[in-house]
Amino acid sequence: MSISLDIQIKSNVPNMLNRIKQKLANLPQEAYKEFVSNTPVRSGNAKRSTRLKGNTIEANYAYAGVLDKGRHMTNRGMRGSNQAPRGMTKPTVDFLRKRVSQIVKGK
């Protein structure tokens, strides 16, 4: 008497990885939108001058560094914007961490 056992394993891992990969590919655009939404507005120049080039967000204006430091004290007094007290990069990085976690969890 002989016993034969045929075991087949069907895996959804490749499909799951493809979905994750597709969602991760959208992260630069999502990060750009988040960065711009955190950019303060006085004249609108900062938002207009922020671009997404490939996977890089470029804030191309002279005072980008001051705004990105957030609201802070200098020897010349308070600098930065009340509209973006944490700047733009820190909230964007927080958003990305949360978003990547959601993507990995399948959301």
PDB file of N, CA and C in Angstrom:
ATOM      1  N   MET A   1       0.835  -1.171   0.000  1.00  0.00           N
ATOM      2  CA  MET A   1       0.000   0.000   0.000  1.00  0.00           C
ATOM      3  C   MET A   1       0.883   1.240   0.000  1.00  0.00           C
ATOM      4  N   SER A   2       0.530   2.159  -0.852  1.00  0.00           N
ATOM      5  CA  SER A   2       1.293   3.390  -0.993  1.00  0.00           C
ATOM      6  C   SER A   2       0.371   4.582  -0.756  1.00  0.00           C
ATOM      7  N   ILE A   3       0.905   5.596  -0.109  1.00  0.00           N
ATOM      8  CA  ILE A   3       0.137   6.821   0.145  1.00  0.00           C
ATOM      9  C   ILE A   3       0.849   7.969  -0.555  1.00  0.00           C
ATOM     10  N   SER A   4       0.094   8.724  -1.236  1.00  0.00           N
ATOM     11  CA  SER A   4       0.637   9.882  -1.936  1.00  0.00           C
ATOM     12  C   SER A   4      -0.104  11.124  -1.458  1.00  0.00           C
ATOM     13  N   LEU A   5       0.641  12.142  -1.121  1.00  0.00           N
ATOM     14  CA  LEU A   5       0.044  13.374  -0.637  1.00  0.00           C
ATOM     15  C   LEU A   5       0.586  14.520  -1.491  1.00  0.00           C
ATOM     16  N   ASP A   6      -0.296  15.149  -2.199  1.00  0.00           N
ATOM     17  CA  ASP A   6       0.087  16.265  -3.063  1.00  0.00           C
ATOM     18  C   ASP A   6      -0.277  17.555  -2.341  1.00  0.00           C
ATOM     19  N   ILE A   7       0.716  18.365  -2.032  1.00  0.00           N
ATOM     20  CA  ILE A   7       0.480  19.624  -1.317  1.00  0.00           C
ATOM     21  C   ILE A   7       0.741  20.773  -2.273  1.00  0.00           C
ATOM     22  N   GLN A   8      -0.264  21.617  -2.400  1.00  0.00           N
ATOM     23  CA  GLN A   8      -0.125  22.809  -3.228  1.00  0.00           C
ATOM     24  C   GLN A   8      -0.417  24.022  -2.354  1.00  0.00           C
ATOM     25  N   ILE A   9       0.465  24.973  -2.437  1.00  0.00           N
ATOM     26  CA  ILE A   9       0.285  26.195  -1.656  1.00  0.00           C
ATOM     27  C   ILE A   9       0.065  27.336  -2.635  1.00  0.00           C
ATOM     28  N   LYS A  10      -1.056  27.984  -2.455  1.00  0.00           N
ATOM     29  CA  LYS A  10      -1.347  29.149  -3.273  1.00  0.00           C
ATOM     30  C   LYS A  10      -1.020  30.373  -2.442  1.00  0.00           C
ATOM     31  N   SER A  11      -0.272  31.235  -3.033  1.00  0.00           N
ATOM     32  CA  SER A  11       0.184  32.410  -2.308  1.00  0.00           C
ATOM     33  C   SER A  11      -0.337  33.691  -2.949  1.00  0.00           C
ATOM     34  N   ASN A  12      -0.797  34.579  -2.117  1.00  0.00           N
ATOM     35  CA  ASN A  12      -1.211  35.900  -2.571  1.00  0.00           C
ATOM     36  C   ASN A  12      -0.088  36.917  -2.409  1.00  0.00           C
ATOM     37  N   VAL A  13       1.073  36.454  -1.965  1.00  0.00           N
ATOM     38  CA  VAL A  13       2.172  37.374  -1.694  1.00  0.00           C
ATOM     39  C   VAL A  13       2.555  38.193  -2.928  1.00  0.00           C
ATOM     40  N   PRO A  14       2.738  37.599  -4.106  1.00  0.00           N
ATOM     41  CA  PRO A  14       3.094  38.432  -5.267  1.00  0.00           C
ATOM     42  C   PRO A  14       2.050  39.514  -5.549  1.00  0.00           C
ATOM     43  N   ASN A  15       0.770  39.181  -5.443  1.00  0.00           N
ATOM     44  CA  ASN A  15      -0.274  40.175  -5.667  1.00  0.00           C
ATOM     45  C   ASN A  15      -0.224  41.271  -4.613  1.00  0.00           C
ATOM     46  N   MET A  16      -0.028  40.877  -3.360  1.00  0.00           N
ATOM     47  CA  MET A  16       0.053  41.858  -2.275  1.00  0.00           C
ATOM     48  C   MET A  16       1.254  42.775  -2.483  1.00  0.00           C
ATOM     49  N   LEU A  17       2.386  42.190  -2.866  1.00  0.00           N
ATOM     50  CA  LEU A  17       3.585  42.996  -3.084  1.00  0.00           C
ATOM     51  C   LEU A  17       3.402  43.970  -4.246  1.00  0.00           C
ATOM     52  N   ASN A  18       2.717  43.543  -5.291  1.00  0.00           N
ATOM     53  CA  ASN A  18       2.450  44.441  -6.412  1.00  0.00           C
ATOM     54  C   ASN A  18       1.563  45.604  -5.989  1.00  0.00           C
ATOM     55  N   ARG A  19       0.542  45.325  -5.175  1.00  0.00           N
ATOM     56  CA  ARG A  19      -0.328  46.403  -4.679  1.00  0.00           C
ATOM     57  C   ARG A  19       0.463  47.379  -3.817  1.00  0.00           C
ATOM     58  N   ILE A  20       1.309  46.839  -2.946  1.00  0.00           N
ATOM     59  CA  ILE A  20       2.142  47.700  -2.094  1.00  0.00           C
ATOM     60  C   ILE A  20       3.080  48.540  -2.955  1.00  0.00           C
ATOM     61  N   LYS A  21       3.693  47.910  -3.936  1.00  0.00           N
ATOM     62  CA  LYS A  21       4.619  48.619  -4.818  1.00  0.00           C
ATOM     63  C   LYS A  21       3.915  49.761  -5.558  1.00  0.00           C
ATOM     64  N   GLN A  22       2.711  49.514  -6.041  1.00  0.00           N
ATOM     65  CA  GLN A  22       1.955  50.551  -6.747  1.00  0.00           C
ATOM     66  C   GLN A  22       1.632  51.720  -5.813  1.00  0.00           C
ATOM     67  N   LYS A  23       1.219  51.409  -4.597  1.00  0.00           N
ATOM     68  CA  LYS A  23       0.898  52.478  -3.646  1.00  0.00           C
ATOM     69  C   LYS A  23       2.143  53.251  -3.234  1.00  0.00           C
ATOM     70  N   LEU A  24       3.256  52.545  -3.056  1.00  0.00           N
ATOM     71  CA  LEU A  24       4.502  53.222  -2.706  1.00  0.00           C
ATOM     72  C   LEU A  24       4.972  54.136  -3.840  1.00  0.00           C
ATOM     73  N   ALA A  25       4.692  53.759  -5.064  1.00  0.00           N
ATOM     74  CA  ALA A  25       5.071  54.594  -6.205  1.00  0.00           C
ATOM     75  C   ALA A  25       4.349  55.934  -6.194  1.00  0.00           C
ATOM     76  N   ASN A  26       3.198  56.009  -5.530  1.00  0.00           N
ATOM     77  CA  ASN A  26       2.437  57.258  -5.437  1.00  0.00           C
ATOM     78  C   ASN A  26       2.888  58.149  -4.291  1.00  0.00           C
ATOM     79  N   LEU A  27       3.789  57.663  -3.440  1.00  0.00           N
ATOM     80  CA  LEU A  27       4.197  58.431  -2.274  1.00  0.00           C
ATOM     81  C   LEU A  27       4.792  59.805  -2.596  1.00  0.00           C
ATOM     82  N   PRO A  28       5.629  59.942  -3.615  1.00  0.00           N
ATOM     83  CA  PRO A  28       6.152  61.294  -3.886  1.00  0.00           C
ATOM     84  C   PRO A  28       5.044  62.316  -4.140  1.00  0.00           C
ATOM     85  N   GLN A  29       4.016  61.944  -4.900  1.00  0.00           N
ATOM     86  CA  GLN A  29       2.918  62.875  -5.168  1.00  0.00           C
ATOM     87  C   GLN A  29       2.141  63.172  -3.882  1.00  0.00           C
ATOM     88  N   GLU A  30       1.913  62.150  -3.064  1.00  0.00           N
ATOM     89  CA  GLU A  30       1.205  62.361  -1.798  1.00  0.00           C
ATOM     90  C   GLU A  30       2.021  63.253  -0.864  1.00  0.00           C
ATOM     91  N   ALA A  31       3.335  63.020  -0.816  1.00  0.00           N
ATOM     92  CA  ALA A  31       4.211  63.834   0.036  1.00  0.00           C
ATOM     93  C   ALA A  31       4.236  65.283  -0.454  1.00  0.00           C
ATOM     94  N   TYR A  32       4.269  65.462  -1.763  1.00  0.00           N
ATOM     95  CA  TYR A  32       4.256  66.818  -2.335  1.00  0.00           C
ATOM     96  C   TYR A  32       2.984  67.558  -1.920  1.00  0.00           C
ATOM     97  N   LYS A  33       1.849  66.902  -2.033  1.00  0.00           N
ATOM     98  CA  LYS A  33       0.580  67.537  -1.639  1.00  0.00           C
ATOM     99  C   LYS A  33       0.595  67.895  -0.158  1.00  0.00           C
ATOM    100  N   GLU A  34       1.122  67.006   0.665  1.00  0.00           N
ATOM    101  CA  GLU A  34       1.200  67.265   2.102  1.00  0.00           C
ATOM    102  C   GLU A  34       2.128  68.442   2.385  1.00  0.00           C
ATOM    103  N   PHE A  35       3.286  68.472   1.730  1.00  0.00           N
ATOM    104  CA  PHE A  35       4.262  69.548   1.916  1.00  0.00           C
ATOM    105  C   PHE A  35       3.640  70.893   1.549  1.00  0.00           C
ATOM    106  N   VAL A  36       2.986  70.938   0.396  1.00  0.00           N
ATOM    107  CA  VAL A  36       2.367  72.188  -0.063  1.00  0.00           C
ATOM    108  C   VAL A  36       1.231  72.594   0.872  1.00  0.00           C
ATOM    109  N   SER A  37       0.467  71.629   1.371  1.00  0.00           N
ATOM    110  CA  SER A  37      -0.637  71.974   2.277  1.00  0.00           C
ATOM    111  C   SER A  37      -0.111  72.547   3.593  1.00  0.00           C
ATOM    112  N   ASN A  38       1.129  72.215   3.965  1.00  0.00           N
ATOM    113  CA  ASN A  38       1.742  72.755   5.180  1.00  0.00           C
ATOM    114  C   ASN A  38       2.519  74.037   4.928  1.00  0.00           C
ATOM    115  N   THR A  39       2.618  74.451   3.688  1.00  0.00           N
ATOM    116  CA  THR A  39       3.352  75.670   3.342  1.00  0.00           C
ATOM    117  C   THR A  39       2.471  76.878   3.647  1.00  0.00           C
ATOM    118  N   PRO A  40       3.001  77.815   4.458  1.00  0.00           N
ATOM    119  CA  PRO A  40       2.192  78.992   4.799  1.00  0.00           C
ATOM    120  C   PRO A  40       1.975  79.903   3.592  1.00  0.00           C
ATOM    121  N   VAL A  41       0.916  80.705   3.679  1.00  0.00           N
ATOM    122  CA  VAL A  41       0.558  81.593   2.573  1.00  0.00           C
ATOM    123  C   VAL A  41       0.514  83.033   3.064  1.00  0.00           C
ATOM    124  N   ARG A  42       1.318  83.860   2.462  1.00  0.00           N
ATOM    125  CA  ARG A  42       1.170  85.300   2.626  1.00  0.00           C
ATOM    126  C   ARG A  42       0.850  85.864   1.255  1.00  0.00           C
ATOM    127  N   SER A  43       1.808  85.687   0.345  1.00  0.00           N
ATOM    128  CA  SER A  43       1.587  86.157  -1.028  1.00  0.00           C
ATOM    129  C   SER A  43       1.268  85.003  -1.970  1.00  0.00           C
ATOM    130  N   GLY A  44       1.538  83.771  -1.544  1.00  0.00           N
ATOM    131  CA  GLY A  44       1.338  82.604  -2.396  1.00  0.00           C
ATOM    132  C   GLY A  44       2.599  82.187  -3.127  1.00  0.00           C
ATOM    133  N   ASN A  45       3.673  82.973  -3.006  1.00  0.00           N
ATOM    134  CA  ASN A  45       4.915  82.673  -3.708  1.00  0.00           C
ATOM    135  C   ASN A  45       5.512  81.337  -3.274  1.00  0.00           C
ATOM    136  N   ALA A  46       5.469  81.042  -1.977  1.00  0.00           N
ATOM    137  CA  ALA A  46       6.074  79.795  -1.486  1.00  0.00           C
ATOM    138  C   ALA A  46       5.386  78.577  -2.095  1.00  0.00           C
ATOM    139  N   LYS A  47       4.066  78.570  -2.111  1.00  0.00           N
ATOM    140  CA  LYS A  47       3.350  77.434  -2.700  1.00  0.00           C
ATOM    141  C   LYS A  47       3.582  77.358  -4.203  1.00  0.00           C
ATOM    142  N   ARG A  48       3.557  78.506  -4.872  1.00  0.00           N
ATOM    143  CA  ARG A  48       3.775  78.522  -6.333  1.00  0.00           C
ATOM    144  C   ARG A  48       5.180  78.079  -6.700  1.00  0.00           C
ATOM    145  N   SER A  49       6.139  78.328  -5.817  1.00  0.00           N
ATOM    146  CA  SER A  49       7.544  78.032  -6.119  1.00  0.00           C
ATOM    147  C   SER A  49       7.984  76.657  -5.652  1.00  0.00           C
ATOM    148  N   THR A  50       7.068  75.864  -5.146  1.00  0.00           N
ATOM    149  CA  THR A  50       7.391  74.506  -4.706  1.00  0.00           C
ATOM    150  C   THR A  50       7.003  73.530  -5.811  1.00  0.00           C
ATOM    151  N   ARG A  51       7.952  72.687  -6.195  1.00  0.00           N
ATOM    152  CA  ARG A  51       7.748  71.753  -7.303  1.00  0.00           C
ATOM    153  C   ARG A  51       8.152  70.336  -6.897  1.00  0.00           C
ATOM    154  N   LEU A  52       7.551  69.382  -7.582  1.00  0.00           N
ATOM    155  CA  LEU A  52       7.960  67.981  -7.451  1.00  0.00           C
ATOM    156  C   LEU A  52       8.737  67.637  -8.712  1.00  0.00           C
ATOM    157  N   LYS A  53      10.012  67.310  -8.544  1.00  0.00           N
ATOM    158  CA  LYS A  53      10.855  66.916  -9.674  1.00  0.00           C
ATOM    159  C   LYS A  53      11.324  65.496  -9.423  1.00  0.00           C
ATOM    160  N   GLY A  54      10.712  64.565 -10.149  1.00  0.00           N
ATOM    161  CA  GLY A  54      11.001  63.150  -9.905  1.00  0.00           C
ATOM    162  C   GLY A  54      10.465  62.771  -8.545  1.00  0.00           C
ATOM    163  N   ASN A  55      11.351  62.366  -7.651  1.00  0.00           N
ATOM    164  CA  ASN A  55      10.958  62.016  -6.287  1.00  0.00           C
ATOM    165  C   ASN A  55      11.393  63.079  -5.282  1.00  0.00           C
ATOM    166  N   THR A  56      11.760  64.264  -5.775  1.00  0.00           N
ATOM    167  CA  THR A  56      12.298  65.318  -4.926  1.00  0.00           C
ATOM    168  C   THR A  56      11.359  66.512  -4.878  1.00  0.00           C
ATOM    169  N   ILE A  57      11.072  66.972  -3.676  1.00  0.00           N
ATOM    170  CA  ILE A  57      10.292  68.194  -3.498  1.00  0.00           C
ATOM    171  C   ILE A  57      11.289  69.337  -3.408  1.00  0.00           C
ATOM    172  N   GLU A  58      11.145  70.316  -4.281  1.00  0.00           N
ATOM    173  CA  GLU A  58      12.036  71.472  -4.291  1.00  0.00           C
ATOM    174  C   GLU A  58      11.257  72.728  -3.932  1.00  0.00           C
ATOM    175  N   ALA A  59      11.658  73.348  -2.830  1.00  0.00           N
ATOM    176  CA  ALA A  59      11.098  74.626  -2.428  1.00  0.00           C
ATOM    177  C   ALA A  59      12.118  75.679  -2.848  1.00  0.00           C
ATOM    178  N   ASN A  60      11.891  76.270  -4.008  1.00  0.00           N
ATOM    179  CA  ASN A  60      12.891  77.134  -4.635  1.00  0.00           C
ATOM    180  C   ASN A  60      12.540  78.607  -4.441  1.00  0.00           C
ATOM    181  N   TYR A  61      12.780  79.110  -3.229  1.00  0.00           N
ATOM    182  CA  TYR A  61      12.610  80.525  -2.930  1.00  0.00           C
ATOM    183  C   TYR A  61      13.543  80.850  -1.771  1.00  0.00           C
ATOM    184  N   ALA A  62      13.944  82.091  -1.683  1.00  0.00           N
ATOM    185  CA  ALA A  62      15.012  82.502  -0.768  1.00  0.00           C
ATOM    186  C   ALA A  62      14.730  82.207   0.703  1.00  0.00           C
ATOM    187  N   TYR A  63      13.499  82.254   1.118  1.00  0.00           N
ATOM    188  CA  TYR A  63      13.173  82.119   2.533  1.00  0.00           C
ATOM    189  C   TYR A  63      12.633  80.736   2.892  1.00  0.00           C
ATOM    190  N   ALA A  64      12.847  79.760   2.028  1.00  0.00           N
ATOM    191  CA  ALA A  64      12.352  78.397   2.280  1.00  0.00           C
ATOM    192  C   ALA A  64      12.925  77.836   3.577  1.00  0.00           C
ATOM    193  N   GLY A  65      14.202  78.042   3.830  1.00  0.00           N
ATOM    194  CA  GLY A  65      14.833  77.532   5.048  1.00  0.00           C
ATOM    195  C   GLY A  65      14.231  78.114   6.308  1.00  0.00           C
ATOM    196  N   VAL A  66      13.915  79.404   6.270  1.00  0.00           N
ATOM    197  CA  VAL A  66      13.307  80.066   7.433  1.00  0.00           C
ATOM    198  C   VAL A  66      11.932  79.469   7.705  1.00  0.00           C
ATOM    199  N   LEU A  67      11.127  79.317   6.666  1.00  0.00           N
ATOM    200  CA  LEU A  67       9.792  78.739   6.850  1.00  0.00           C
ATOM    201  C   LEU A  67       9.872  77.296   7.326  1.00  0.00           C
ATOM    202  N   ASP A  68      10.842  76.545   6.788  1.00  0.00           N
ATOM    203  CA  ASP A  68      10.922  75.127   7.126  1.00  0.00           C
ATOM    204  C   ASP A  68      11.408  74.884   8.552  1.00  0.00           C
ATOM    205  N   LYS A  69      12.110  75.841   9.139  1.00  0.00           N
ATOM    206  CA  LYS A  69      12.526  75.698  10.542  1.00  0.00           C
ATOM    207  C   LYS A  69      11.336  75.817  11.478  1.00  0.00           C
ATOM    208  N   GLY A  70      10.236  76.326  10.973  1.00  0.00           N
ATOM    209  CA  GLY A  70       9.068  76.527  11.819  1.00  0.00           C
ATOM    210  C   GLY A  70       9.203  77.827  12.596  1.00  0.00           C
ATOM    211  N   ARG A  71       8.306  78.023  13.500  1.00  0.00           N
ATOM    212  CA  ARG A  71       8.316  79.241  14.312  1.00  0.00           C
ATOM    213  C   ARG A  71       9.429  79.100  15.331  1.00  0.00           C
ATOM    214  N   HIS A  72      10.388  80.030  15.335  1.00  0.00           N
ATOM    215  CA  HIS A  72      11.536  79.916  16.229  1.00  0.00           C
ATOM    216  C   HIS A  72      12.096  81.298  16.573  1.00  0.00           C
ATOM    217  N   MET A  73      12.802  81.341  17.670  1.00  0.00           N
ATOM    218  CA  MET A  73      13.413  82.584  18.137  1.00  0.00           C
ATOM    219  C   MET A  73      14.836  82.681  17.600  1.00  0.00           C
ATOM    220  N   THR A  74      15.183  83.856  17.131  1.00  0.00           N
ATOM    221  CA  THR A  74      16.560  84.134  16.711  1.00  0.00           C
ATOM    222  C   THR A  74      17.031  85.363  17.478  1.00  0.00           C
ATOM    223  N   ASN A  75      18.278  85.751  17.260  1.00  0.00           N
ATOM    224  CA  ASN A  75      18.771  86.958  17.916  1.00  0.00           C
ATOM    225  C   ASN A  75      18.093  88.211  17.349  1.00  0.00           C
ATOM    226  N   ARG A  76      17.372  88.067  16.250  1.00  0.00           N
ATOM    227  CA  ARG A  76      16.620  89.181  15.662  1.00  0.00           C
ATOM    228  C   ARG A  76      15.125  89.093  15.996  1.00  0.00           C
ATOM    229  N   GLY A  77      14.751  88.192  16.889  1.00  0.00           N
ATOM    230  CA  GLY A  77      13.352  88.038  17.268  1.00  0.00           C
ATOM    231  C   GLY A  77      12.760  86.779  16.679  1.00  0.00           C
ATOM    232  N   MET A  78      11.438  86.685  16.746  1.00  0.00           N
ATOM    233  CA  MET A  78      10.742  85.503  16.222  1.00  0.00           C
ATOM    234  C   MET A  78      10.823  85.472  14.705  1.00  0.00           C
ATOM    235  N   ARG A  79      11.059  84.283  14.188  1.00  0.00           N
ATOM    236  CA  ARG A  79      11.118  84.076  12.743  1.00  0.00           C
ATOM    237  C   ARG A  79      10.187  82.931  12.385  1.00  0.00           C
ATOM    238  N   GLY A  80       9.936  82.780  11.103  1.00  0.00           N
ATOM    239  CA  GLY A  80       9.072  81.705  10.642  1.00  0.00           C
ATOM    240  C   GLY A  80       7.634  82.165  10.570  1.00  0.00           C
ATOM    241  N   SER A  81       6.752  81.225  10.443  1.00  0.00           N
ATOM    242  CA  SER A  81       5.346  81.532  10.224  1.00  0.00           C
ATOM    243  C   SER A  81       4.466  80.912  11.303  1.00  0.00           C
ATOM    244  N   ASN A  82       3.483  81.672  11.754  1.00  0.00           N
ATOM    245  CA  ASN A  82       2.497  81.111  12.675  1.00  0.00           C
ATOM    246  C   ASN A  82       1.663  80.041  11.983  1.00  0.00           C
ATOM    247  N   GLN A  83       1.534  80.135  10.662  1.00  0.00           N
ATOM    248  CA  GLN A  83       0.737  79.169   9.904  1.00  0.00           C
ATOM    249  C   GLN A  83       1.418  77.809   9.816  1.00  0.00           C
ATOM    250  N   ALA A  84       2.734  77.791   9.937  1.00  0.00           N
ATOM    251  CA  ALA A  84       3.488  76.526   9.860  1.00  0.00           C
ATOM    252  C   ALA A  84       4.480  76.478  11.023  1.00  0.00           C
ATOM    253  N   PRO A  85       3.988  76.344  12.251  1.00  0.00           N
ATOM    254  CA  PRO A  85       4.886  76.384  13.404  1.00  0.00           C
ATOM    255  C   PRO A  85       5.908  75.249  13.440  1.00  0.00           C
ATOM    256  N   ARG A  86       5.647  74.153  12.734  1.00  0.00           N
ATOM    257  CA  ARG A  86       6.601  73.033  12.658  1.00  0.00           C
ATOM    258  C   ARG A  86       7.318  72.987  11.313  1.00  0.00           C
ATOM    259  N   GLY A  87       7.128  74.009  10.499  1.00  0.00           N
ATOM    260  CA  GLY A  87       7.715  74.004   9.172  1.00  0.00           C
ATOM    261  C   GLY A  87       6.904  73.123   8.238  1.00  0.00           C
ATOM    262  N   MET A  88       7.541  72.682   7.161  1.00  0.00           N
ATOM    263  CA  MET A  88       6.850  71.843   6.191  1.00  0.00           C
ATOM    264  C   MET A  88       7.409  70.421   6.162  1.00  0.00           C
ATOM    265  N   THR A  89       8.711  70.288   6.351  1.00  0.00           N
ATOM    266  CA  THR A  89       9.351  68.977   6.258  1.00  0.00           C
ATOM    267  C   THR A  89       8.920  68.040   7.387  1.00  0.00           C
ATOM    268  N   LYS A  90       8.934  68.517   8.622  1.00  0.00           N
ATOM    269  CA  LYS A  90       8.588  67.640   9.758  1.00  0.00           C
ATOM    270  C   LYS A  90       7.178  67.065   9.625  1.00  0.00           C
ATOM    271  N   PRO A  91       6.160  67.888   9.347  1.00  0.00           N
ATOM    272  CA  PRO A  91       4.828  67.302   9.181  1.00  0.00           C
ATOM    273  C   PRO A  91       4.748  66.350   7.984  1.00  0.00           C
ATOM    274  N   THR A  92       5.516  66.632   6.940  1.00  0.00           N
ATOM    275  CA  THR A  92       5.509  65.764   5.762  1.00  0.00           C
ATOM    276  C   THR A  92       6.145  64.415   6.090  1.00  0.00           C
ATOM    277  N   VAL A  93       7.234  64.425   6.837  1.00  0.00           N
ATOM    278  CA  VAL A  93       7.884  63.171   7.247  1.00  0.00           C
ATOM    279  C   VAL A  93       6.947  62.372   8.154  1.00  0.00           C
ATOM    280  N   ASP A  94       6.268  63.052   9.072  1.00  0.00           N
ATOM    281  CA  ASP A  94       5.293  62.358   9.931  1.00  0.00           C
ATOM    282  C   ASP A  94       4.194  61.719   9.085  1.00  0.00           C
ATOM    283  N   PHE A  95       3.705  62.460   8.100  1.00  0.00           N
ATOM    284  CA  PHE A  95       2.684  61.935   7.187  1.00  0.00           C
ATOM    285  C   PHE A  95       3.199  60.696   6.462  1.00  0.00           C
ATOM    286  N   LEU A  96       4.444  60.753   5.951  1.00  0.00           N
ATOM    287  CA  LEU A  96       5.017  59.624   5.213  1.00  0.00           C
ATOM    288  C   LEU A  96       5.150  58.384   6.090  1.00  0.00           C
ATOM    289  N   ARG A  97       5.598  58.563   7.315  1.00  0.00           N
ATOM    290  CA  ARG A  97       5.718  57.412   8.226  1.00  0.00           C
ATOM    291  C   ARG A  97       4.358  56.739   8.430  1.00  0.00           C
ATOM    292  N   LYS A  98       3.353  57.567   8.679  1.00  0.00           N
ATOM    293  CA  LYS A  98       2.007  57.042   8.895  1.00  0.00           C
ATOM    294  C   LYS A  98       1.476  56.379   7.630  1.00  0.00           C
ATOM    295  N   ARG A  99       1.708  57.014   6.481  1.00  0.00           N
ATOM    296  CA  ARG A  99       1.207  56.486   5.216  1.00  0.00           C
ATOM    297  C   ARG A  99       1.860  55.163   4.853  1.00  0.00           C
ATOM    298  N   VAL A 100       3.172  55.045   5.021  1.00  0.00           N
ATOM    299  CA  VAL A 100       3.869  53.790   4.727  1.00  0.00           C
ATOM    300  C   VAL A 100       3.326  52.678   5.611  1.00  0.00           C
ATOM    301  N   SER A 101       3.106  52.981   6.879  1.00  0.00           N
ATOM    302  CA  SER A 101       2.528  51.989   7.793  1.00  0.00           C
ATOM    303  C   SER A 101       1.149  51.524   7.299  1.00  0.00           C
ATOM    304  N   GLN A 102       0.334  52.476   6.859  1.00  0.00           N
ATOM    305  CA  GLN A 102      -0.989  52.126   6.331  1.00  0.00           C
ATOM    306  C   GLN A 102      -0.868  51.239   5.092  1.00  0.00           C
ATOM    307  N   ILE A 103       0.046  51.583   4.213  1.00  0.00           N
ATOM    308  CA  ILE A 103       0.223  50.816   2.965  1.00  0.00           C
ATOM    309  C   ILE A 103       0.643  49.385   3.288  1.00  0.00           C
ATOM    310  N   VAL A 104       1.598  49.231   4.189  1.00  0.00           N
ATOM    311  CA  VAL A 104       2.083  47.897   4.538  1.00  0.00           C
ATOM    312  C   VAL A 104       0.973  47.068   5.176  1.00  0.00           C
ATOM    313  N   LYS A 105       0.079  47.730   5.905  1.00  0.00           N
ATOM    314  CA  LYS A 105      -1.048  47.037   6.534  1.00  0.00           C
ATOM    315  C   LYS A 105      -2.187  46.783   5.553  1.00  0.00           C
ATOM    316  N   GLY A 106      -2.045  47.250   4.327  1.00  0.00           N
ATOM    317  CA  GLY A 106      -3.052  46.994   3.311  1.00  0.00           C
ATOM    318  C   GLY A 106      -4.153  48.014   3.240  1.00  0.00           C
ATOM    319  N   LYS A 107      -3.918  49.194   3.733  1.00  0.00           N
ATOM    320  CA  LYS A 107      -4.941  50.237   3.705  1.00  0.00           C
ATOM    321  C   LYS A 107      -4.655  51.262   2.641  1.00  0.00           C
TER     322      LYS A 107
END
